[in-house]
Amino acid sequence: MTTKTHKPDDLEAGARPRLTREHVLERAVALADRNGLQKLTMRALAKELGVEAMSLYHHVANKDALLDAMVDRVFAEIALPAQDVAWKDALRARAVSAREALVRHPWALGLMESRGAPGPANLRHHDAVLGCLRAGGFSVAAAAHAYSLLDSYIYGFVLQELSLPFDASGGAASVAADVLALIPSGAYPHLEEVARDHVLKPGYRYADEFGIGLELVLDALETLRAP
């Protein structure tokens, strides 16, 4: 004699998996990555998930709460500064990780420091960076200055990188060549010099400029450290 087992309603054949907050946030981030933040509405997200819009409000209170949680997910992707290495090495790795996360999620760039209700990953990240600076010999004020400068550089670089008319990992040479072909020879000598002797050189990638600028910023921060 066999005993019939009953599956939960959400596991019946053909039924959709039970909606969870994690699933909602995952799809919201994917939707914003694909279409941009302007097209992320509660109705569009509900359609993406195959549910009614009202179902979302069991997991996020409103659109602002959704954005707070999405930003927190991006912060969670950024590596925290390591505690067992020198402060420069730890912050260099963190800066590289932050840039990579922002390039993956361009919509997040203007939101990272704008949320009035930061989530746990956001708070943990800020605390860890400040802790790294304090352990590295920075005073409270100097740590605040250093953090501001680092993030201004990271966010500013990514903003410029995302605005370029080519992929930062390649394609600059083709654009530079097209621009040179459009301008009279000798009209802009310094621009021509940089294009010819730098951008058009084999192997040039605009993305490499990030590491060069980052080293300059990190070296400059030495002047803020306590003697």
C-alpha atoms as a PDB file:
ATOM      1  CA  MET A   1       0.000   0.000   0.000  1.00  0.00           C
ATOM      2  CA  THR A   2       1.441   3.349  -1.003  1.00  0.00           C
ATOM      3  CA  THR A   3       0.863   6.587   0.806  1.00  0.00           C
ATOM      4  CA  LYS A   4       0.193   9.629  -1.310  1.00  0.00           C
ATOM      5  CA  THR A   5       2.355  12.587  -0.379  1.00  0.00           C
ATOM      6  CA  HIS A   6       1.007  16.093  -0.778  1.00  0.00           C
ATOM      7  CA  LYS A   7       3.251  18.826  -2.082  1.00  0.00           C
ATOM      8  CA  PRO A   8       2.984  22.363  -0.732  1.00  0.00           C
ATOM      9  CA  ASP A   9       0.858  24.628  -2.879  1.00  0.00           C
ATOM     10  CA  ASP A  10       3.911  26.478  -4.198  1.00  0.00           C
ATOM     11  CA  LEU A  11       5.497  23.234  -5.400  1.00  0.00           C
ATOM     12  CA  GLU A  12       2.520  21.817  -7.304  1.00  0.00           C
ATOM     13  CA  ALA A  13       3.264  21.075 -10.949  1.00  0.00           C
ATOM     14  CA  GLY A  14       3.120  24.228 -13.004  1.00  0.00           C
ATOM     15  CA  ALA A  15       3.049  26.548  -9.988  1.00  0.00           C
ATOM     16  CA  ARG A  16       5.514  29.422  -9.688  1.00  0.00           C
ATOM     17  CA  PRO A  17       8.052  29.282  -6.842  1.00  0.00           C
ATOM     18  CA  ARG A  18       7.079  31.265  -3.766  1.00  0.00           C
ATOM     19  CA  LEU A  19       8.089  34.912  -4.139  1.00  0.00           C
ATOM     20  CA  THR A  20      10.798  36.009  -1.720  1.00  0.00           C
ATOM     21  CA  ARG A  21      12.429  39.342  -0.948  1.00  0.00           C
ATOM     22  CA  GLU A  22      15.741  38.009  -2.266  1.00  0.00           C
ATOM     23  CA  HIS A  23      14.134  37.033  -5.560  1.00  0.00           C
ATOM     24  CA  VAL A  24      12.470  40.436  -5.874  1.00  0.00           C
ATOM     25  CA  LEU A  25      15.763  42.269  -5.319  1.00  0.00           C
ATOM     26  CA  GLU A  26      17.689  39.993  -7.652  1.00  0.00           C
ATOM     27  CA  ARG A  27      15.273  40.614 -10.507  1.00  0.00           C
ATOM     28  CA  ALA A  28      15.055  44.346  -9.750  1.00  0.00           C
ATOM     29  CA  VAL A  29      18.844  44.683 -10.030  1.00  0.00           C
ATOM     30  CA  ALA A  30      18.859  42.645 -13.248  1.00  0.00           C
ATOM     31  CA  LEU A  31      16.070  44.782 -14.699  1.00  0.00           C
ATOM     32  CA  ALA A  32      17.904  48.011 -13.834  1.00  0.00           C
ATOM     33  CA  ASP A  33      21.144  46.621 -15.277  1.00  0.00           C
ATOM     34  CA  ARG A  34      19.370  45.813 -18.523  1.00  0.00           C
ATOM     35  CA  ASN A  35      17.044  48.771 -19.006  1.00  0.00           C
ATOM     36  CA  GLY A  36      18.272  51.511 -16.682  1.00  0.00           C
ATOM     37  CA  LEU A  37      16.737  52.908 -13.525  1.00  0.00           C
ATOM     38  CA  GLN A  38      14.174  55.098 -15.284  1.00  0.00           C
ATOM     39  CA  LYS A  39      12.357  52.045 -16.591  1.00  0.00           C
ATOM     40  CA  LEU A  40      12.362  50.286 -13.233  1.00  0.00           C
ATOM     41  CA  THR A  41       8.830  50.687 -11.912  1.00  0.00           C
ATOM     42  CA  MET A  42       6.938  48.482  -9.487  1.00  0.00           C
ATOM     43  CA  ARG A  43       4.622  47.504 -12.344  1.00  0.00           C
ATOM     44  CA  ALA A  44       7.546  46.620 -14.645  1.00  0.00           C
ATOM     45  CA  LEU A  45       9.182  44.592 -11.885  1.00  0.00           C
ATOM     46  CA  ALA A  46       5.955  42.756 -11.167  1.00  0.00           C
ATOM     47  CA  LYS A  47       5.621  41.907 -14.855  1.00  0.00           C
ATOM     48  CA  GLU A  48       9.226  40.666 -14.868  1.00  0.00           C
ATOM     49  CA  LEU A  49       8.401  38.390 -11.937  1.00  0.00           C
ATOM     50  CA  GLY A  50       5.070  37.282 -13.360  1.00  0.00           C
ATOM     51  CA  VAL A  51       3.045  38.552 -10.392  1.00  0.00           C
ATOM     52  CA  GLU A  52       0.650  41.366  -9.578  1.00  0.00           C
ATOM     53  CA  ALA A  53       2.258  44.622  -8.466  1.00  0.00           C
ATOM     54  CA  MET A  54       0.566  44.398  -5.066  1.00  0.00           C
ATOM     55  CA  SER A  55       2.501  41.205  -4.342  1.00  0.00           C
ATOM     56  CA  LEU A  56       5.734  43.195  -4.236  1.00  0.00           C
ATOM     57  CA  TYR A  57       4.587  45.257  -1.268  1.00  0.00           C
ATOM     58  CA  HIS A  58       4.810  42.190   0.953  1.00  0.00           C
ATOM     59  CA  HIS A  59       8.587  42.389   0.448  1.00  0.00           C
ATOM     60  CA  VAL A  60       9.392  46.095  -0.061  1.00  0.00           C
ATOM     61  CA  ALA A  61       7.343  48.948   1.361  1.00  0.00           C
ATOM     62  CA  ASN A  62       7.654  51.214  -1.680  1.00  0.00           C
ATOM     63  CA  LYS A  63       9.938  52.262  -4.537  1.00  0.00           C
ATOM     64  CA  ASP A  64      12.343  54.080  -2.193  1.00  0.00           C
ATOM     65  CA  ALA A  65      12.681  51.001  -0.020  1.00  0.00           C
ATOM     66  CA  LEU A  66      13.356  48.956  -3.145  1.00  0.00           C
ATOM     67  CA  LEU A  67      16.142  51.337  -4.201  1.00  0.00           C
ATOM     68  CA  ASP A  68      17.645  51.277  -0.707  1.00  0.00           C
ATOM     69  CA  ALA A  69      17.805  47.499  -0.830  1.00  0.00           C
ATOM     70  CA  MET A  70      19.204  47.443  -4.376  1.00  0.00           C
ATOM     71  CA  VAL A  71      21.984  49.865  -3.423  1.00  0.00           C
ATOM     72  CA  ASP A  72      22.748  47.699  -0.414  1.00  0.00           C
ATOM     73  CA  ARG A  73      23.189  44.704  -2.723  1.00  0.00           C
ATOM     74  CA  VAL A  74      25.742  46.660  -4.754  1.00  0.00           C
ATOM     75  CA  PHE A  75      27.643  47.596  -1.589  1.00  0.00           C
ATOM     76  CA  ALA A  76      27.654  43.912  -0.666  1.00  0.00           C
ATOM     77  CA  GLU A  77      29.472  43.146  -3.932  1.00  0.00           C
ATOM     78  CA  ILE A  78      32.362  45.496  -3.087  1.00  0.00           C
ATOM     79  CA  ALA A  79      35.235  43.845  -1.259  1.00  0.00           C
ATOM     80  CA  LEU A  80      35.812  45.131   2.253  1.00  0.00           C
ATOM     81  CA  PRO A  81      39.354  46.344   2.998  1.00  0.00           C
ATOM     82  CA  ALA A  82      41.479  43.458   4.218  1.00  0.00           C
ATOM     83  CA  GLN A  83      42.630  43.776   7.820  1.00  0.00           C
ATOM     84  CA  ASP A  84      45.921  41.913   7.507  1.00  0.00           C
ATOM     85  CA  VAL A  85      47.624  44.096   4.877  1.00  0.00           C
ATOM     86  CA  ALA A  86      48.928  47.664   4.693  1.00  0.00           C
ATOM     87  CA  TRP A  87      46.267  50.351   4.362  1.00  0.00           C
ATOM     88  CA  LYS A  88      47.308  51.275   0.814  1.00  0.00           C
ATOM     89  CA  ASP A  89      47.053  47.687  -0.394  1.00  0.00           C
ATOM     90  CA  ALA A  90      43.687  47.230   1.325  1.00  0.00           C
ATOM     91  CA  LEU A  91      42.208  50.422  -0.111  1.00  0.00           C
ATOM     92  CA  ARG A  92      43.661  49.773  -3.559  1.00  0.00           C
ATOM     93  CA  ALA A  93      41.885  46.401  -3.714  1.00  0.00           C
ATOM     94  CA  ARG A  94      38.689  47.944  -2.381  1.00  0.00           C
ATOM     95  CA  ALA A  95      38.805  50.729  -5.000  1.00  0.00           C
ATOM     96  CA  VAL A  96      39.273  48.250  -7.837  1.00  0.00           C
ATOM     97  CA  SER A  97      36.367  46.163  -6.529  1.00  0.00           C
ATOM     98  CA  ALA A  98      34.164  49.272  -6.213  1.00  0.00           C
ATOM     99  CA  ARG A  99      34.864  50.308  -9.796  1.00  0.00           C
ATOM    100  CA  GLU A 100      34.058  46.824 -11.071  1.00  0.00           C
ATOM    101  CA  ALA A 101      30.753  46.760  -9.171  1.00  0.00           C
ATOM    102  CA  LEU A 102      29.735  50.183 -10.494  1.00  0.00           C
ATOM    103  CA  VAL A 103      30.579  49.215 -14.065  1.00  0.00           C
ATOM    104  CA  ARG A 104      28.392  46.122 -13.645  1.00  0.00           C
ATOM    105  CA  HIS A 105      25.558  48.259 -12.259  1.00  0.00           C
ATOM    106  CA  PRO A 106      25.773  51.714 -13.921  1.00  0.00           C
ATOM    107  CA  TRP A 107      22.404  52.780 -12.497  1.00  0.00           C
ATOM    108  CA  ALA A 108      23.856  52.679  -8.969  1.00  0.00           C
ATOM    109  CA  LEU A 109      26.484  55.348  -9.560  1.00  0.00           C
ATOM    110  CA  GLY A 110      24.385  58.311  -8.462  1.00  0.00           C
ATOM    111  CA  LEU A 111      22.717  56.431  -5.610  1.00  0.00           C
ATOM    112  CA  MET A 112      25.605  55.033  -3.581  1.00  0.00           C
ATOM    113  CA  GLU A 113      25.817  57.953  -1.158  1.00  0.00           C
ATOM    114  CA  SER A 114      22.301  59.328  -1.561  1.00  0.00           C
ATOM    115  CA  ARG A 115      20.202  56.937   0.488  1.00  0.00           C
ATOM    116  CA  GLY A 116      18.625  58.244   3.676  1.00  0.00           C
ATOM    117  CA  ALA A 117      18.027  54.733   5.005  1.00  0.00           C
ATOM    118  CA  PRO A 118      21.302  52.854   4.355  1.00  0.00           C
ATOM    119  CA  GLY A 119      21.212  49.090   4.699  1.00  0.00           C
ATOM    120  CA  PRO A 120      23.556  46.829   6.672  1.00  0.00           C
ATOM    121  CA  ALA A 121      25.988  46.192   3.807  1.00  0.00           C
ATOM    122  CA  ASN A 122      26.224  49.941   3.170  1.00  0.00           C
ATOM    123  CA  LEU A 123      26.923  50.706   6.833  1.00  0.00           C
ATOM    124  CA  ARG A 124      29.352  47.797   7.189  1.00  0.00           C
ATOM    125  CA  HIS A 125      31.265  48.980   4.141  1.00  0.00           C
ATOM    126  CA  HIS A 126      31.628  52.574   5.331  1.00  0.00           C
ATOM    127  CA  ASP A 127      32.654  51.426   8.782  1.00  0.00           C
ATOM    128  CA  ALA A 128      35.274  49.036   7.373  1.00  0.00           C
ATOM    129  CA  VAL A 129      36.854  51.689   5.121  1.00  0.00           C
ATOM    130  CA  LEU A 130      37.029  54.191   7.966  1.00  0.00           C
ATOM    131  CA  GLY A 131      38.426  51.492  10.236  1.00  0.00           C
ATOM    132  CA  CYS A 132      41.138  50.714   7.692  1.00  0.00           C
ATOM    133  CA  LEU A 133      42.124  54.378   7.525  1.00  0.00           C
ATOM    134  CA  ARG A 134      42.145  54.779  11.302  1.00  0.00           C
ATOM    135  CA  ALA A 135      44.274  51.648  11.701  1.00  0.00           C
ATOM    136  CA  GLY A 136      46.592  53.058   9.024  1.00  0.00           C
ATOM    137  CA  GLY A 137      47.396  56.104  11.114  1.00  0.00           C
ATOM    138  CA  PHE A 138      44.792  58.626   9.961  1.00  0.00           C
ATOM    139  CA  SER A 139      43.114  60.881  12.489  1.00  0.00           C
ATOM    140  CA  VAL A 140      39.323  60.988  12.606  1.00  0.00           C
ATOM    141  CA  ALA A 141      39.216  64.121  10.425  1.00  0.00           C
ATOM    142  CA  ALA A 142      41.928  62.852   8.085  1.00  0.00           C
ATOM    143  CA  ALA A 143      40.077  59.547   7.648  1.00  0.00           C
ATOM    144  CA  ALA A 144      36.953  61.461   6.630  1.00  0.00           C
ATOM    145  CA  HIS A 145      38.957  63.564   4.164  1.00  0.00           C
ATOM    146  CA  ALA A 146      40.670  60.505   2.716  1.00  0.00           C
ATOM    147  CA  TYR A 147      37.397  58.601   2.301  1.00  0.00           C
ATOM    148  CA  SER A 148      35.819  61.559   0.507  1.00  0.00           C
ATOM    149  CA  LEU A 149      38.772  61.904  -1.863  1.00  0.00           C
ATOM    150  CA  LEU A 150      38.921  58.195  -2.655  1.00  0.00           C
ATOM    151  CA  ASP A 151      35.240  57.904  -3.479  1.00  0.00           C
ATOM    152  CA  SER A 152      35.241  61.156  -5.440  1.00  0.00           C
ATOM    153  CA  TYR A 153      37.956  59.660  -7.614  1.00  0.00           C
ATOM    154  CA  ILE A 154      36.267  56.260  -7.967  1.00  0.00           C
ATOM    155  CA  TYR A 155      32.793  57.629  -8.735  1.00  0.00           C
ATOM    156  CA  GLY A 156      34.158  60.346 -11.002  1.00  0.00           C
ATOM    157  CA  PHE A 157      36.284  57.921 -12.993  1.00  0.00           C
ATOM    158  CA  VAL A 158      33.396  55.494 -13.475  1.00  0.00           C
ATOM    159  CA  LEU A 159      31.092  58.337 -14.541  1.00  0.00           C
ATOM    160  CA  GLN A 160      33.591  59.366 -17.199  1.00  0.00           C
ATOM    161  CA  GLU A 161      34.279  55.762 -18.186  1.00  0.00           C
ATOM    162  CA  LEU A 162      30.591  55.016 -18.727  1.00  0.00           C
ATOM    163  CA  SER A 163      30.187  58.184 -20.799  1.00  0.00           C
ATOM    164  CA  LEU A 164      32.931  57.357 -23.284  1.00  0.00           C
ATOM    165  CA  PRO A 165      31.915  56.666 -26.908  1.00  0.00           C
ATOM    166  CA  PHE A 166      33.816  53.368 -26.759  1.00  0.00           C
ATOM    167  CA  ASP A 167      34.405  50.422 -24.462  1.00  0.00           C
ATOM    168  CA  ALA A 168      37.014  51.434 -21.876  1.00  0.00           C
ATOM    169  CA  SER A 169      38.744  48.073 -22.313  1.00  0.00           C
ATOM    170  CA  GLY A 170      39.326  48.780 -26.009  1.00  0.00           C
ATOM    171  CA  GLY A 171      38.179  50.830 -28.968  1.00  0.00           C
ATOM    172  CA  ALA A 172      39.768  54.155 -28.012  1.00  0.00           C
ATOM    173  CA  ALA A 173      42.258  53.970 -30.871  1.00  0.00           C
ATOM    174  CA  SER A 174      39.523  53.699 -33.496  1.00  0.00           C
ATOM    175  CA  VAL A 175      37.665  56.718 -32.079  1.00  0.00           C
ATOM    176  CA  ALA A 176      40.888  58.737 -31.789  1.00  0.00           C
ATOM    177  CA  ALA A 177      41.769  57.961 -35.403  1.00  0.00           C
ATOM    178  CA  ASP A 178      38.300  59.055 -36.555  1.00  0.00           C
ATOM    179  CA  VAL A 179      38.609  62.338 -34.629  1.00  0.00           C
ATOM    180  CA  LEU A 180      42.062  63.054 -36.057  1.00  0.00           C
ATOM    181  CA  ALA A 181      40.699  62.523 -39.538  1.00  0.00           C
ATOM    182  CA  LEU A 182      38.058  65.191 -38.963  1.00  0.00           C
ATOM    183  CA  ILE A 183      40.272  68.029 -37.691  1.00  0.00           C
ATOM    184  CA  PRO A 184      42.777  70.098 -39.703  1.00  0.00           C
ATOM    185  CA  SER A 185      46.343  68.922 -39.215  1.00  0.00           C
ATOM    186  CA  GLY A 186      48.180  71.138 -36.735  1.00  0.00           C
ATOM    187  CA  ALA A 187      45.054  72.884 -35.466  1.00  0.00           C
ATOM    188  CA  TYR A 188      45.177  71.176 -32.064  1.00  0.00           C
ATOM    189  CA  PRO A 189      48.815  70.079 -31.697  1.00  0.00           C
ATOM    190  CA  HIS A 190      48.679  68.830 -28.103  1.00  0.00           C
ATOM    191  CA  LEU A 191      45.531  66.824 -28.693  1.00  0.00           C
ATOM    192  CA  GLU A 192      47.077  65.316 -31.812  1.00  0.00           C
ATOM    193  CA  GLU A 193      50.261  64.495 -29.901  1.00  0.00           C
ATOM    194  CA  VAL A 194      48.431  62.601 -27.147  1.00  0.00           C
ATOM    195  CA  ALA A 195      46.281  60.750 -29.672  1.00  0.00           C
ATOM    196  CA  ARG A 196      49.236  59.816 -31.886  1.00  0.00           C
ATOM    197  CA  ASP A 197      51.848  59.043 -29.219  1.00  0.00           C
ATOM    198  CA  HIS A 198      49.629  57.591 -26.504  1.00  0.00           C
ATOM    199  CA  VAL A 199      46.096  56.538 -27.443  1.00  0.00           C
ATOM    200  CA  LEU A 200      47.035  55.089 -30.834  1.00  0.00           C
ATOM    201  CA  LYS A 201      49.878  53.024 -29.398  1.00  0.00           C
ATOM    202  CA  PRO A 202      49.257  49.244 -29.441  1.00  0.00           C
ATOM    203  CA  GLY A 203      47.673  47.934 -26.251  1.00  0.00           C
ATOM    204  CA  TYR A 204      46.245  51.234 -25.043  1.00  0.00           C
ATOM    205  CA  ARG A 205      43.162  50.825 -22.842  1.00  0.00           C
ATOM    206  CA  TYR A 206      41.421  53.706 -21.158  1.00  0.00           C
ATOM    207  CA  ALA A 207      40.587  51.396 -18.244  1.00  0.00           C
ATOM    208  CA  ASP A 208      44.295  51.331 -17.333  1.00  0.00           C
ATOM    209  CA  GLU A 209      44.089  55.009 -16.462  1.00  0.00           C
ATOM    210  CA  PHE A 210      42.157  54.054 -13.337  1.00  0.00           C
ATOM    211  CA  GLY A 211      45.080  52.300 -11.698  1.00  0.00           C
ATOM    212  CA  ILE A 212      47.486  55.113 -12.551  1.00  0.00           C
ATOM    213  CA  GLY A 213      45.241  57.766 -11.034  1.00  0.00           C
ATOM    214  CA  LEU A 214      44.517  55.589  -8.013  1.00  0.00           C
ATOM    215  CA  GLU A 215      48.225  55.326  -7.180  1.00  0.00           C
ATOM    216  CA  LEU A 216      48.518  59.121  -7.307  1.00  0.00           C
ATOM    217  CA  VAL A 217      45.550  59.479  -4.951  1.00  0.00           C
ATOM    218  CA  LEU A 218      46.902  56.893  -2.511  1.00  0.00           C
ATOM    219  CA  ASP A 219      50.330  58.544  -2.506  1.00  0.00           C
ATOM    220  CA  ALA A 220      48.726  61.938  -1.880  1.00  0.00           C
ATOM    221  CA  LEU A 221      46.838  60.546   1.118  1.00  0.00           C
ATOM    222  CA  GLU A 222      50.160  59.958   2.848  1.00  0.00           C
ATOM    223  CA  THR A 223      50.278  63.692   3.544  1.00  0.00           C
ATOM    224  CA  LEU A 224      47.113  63.396   5.638  1.00  0.00           C
ATOM    225  CA  ARG A 225      48.415  60.688   7.948  1.00  0.00           C
ATOM    226  CA  ALA A 226      49.475  61.572  11.458  1.00  0.00           C
ATOM    227  CA  PRO A 227      53.267  61.993  11.784  1.00  0.00           C
END
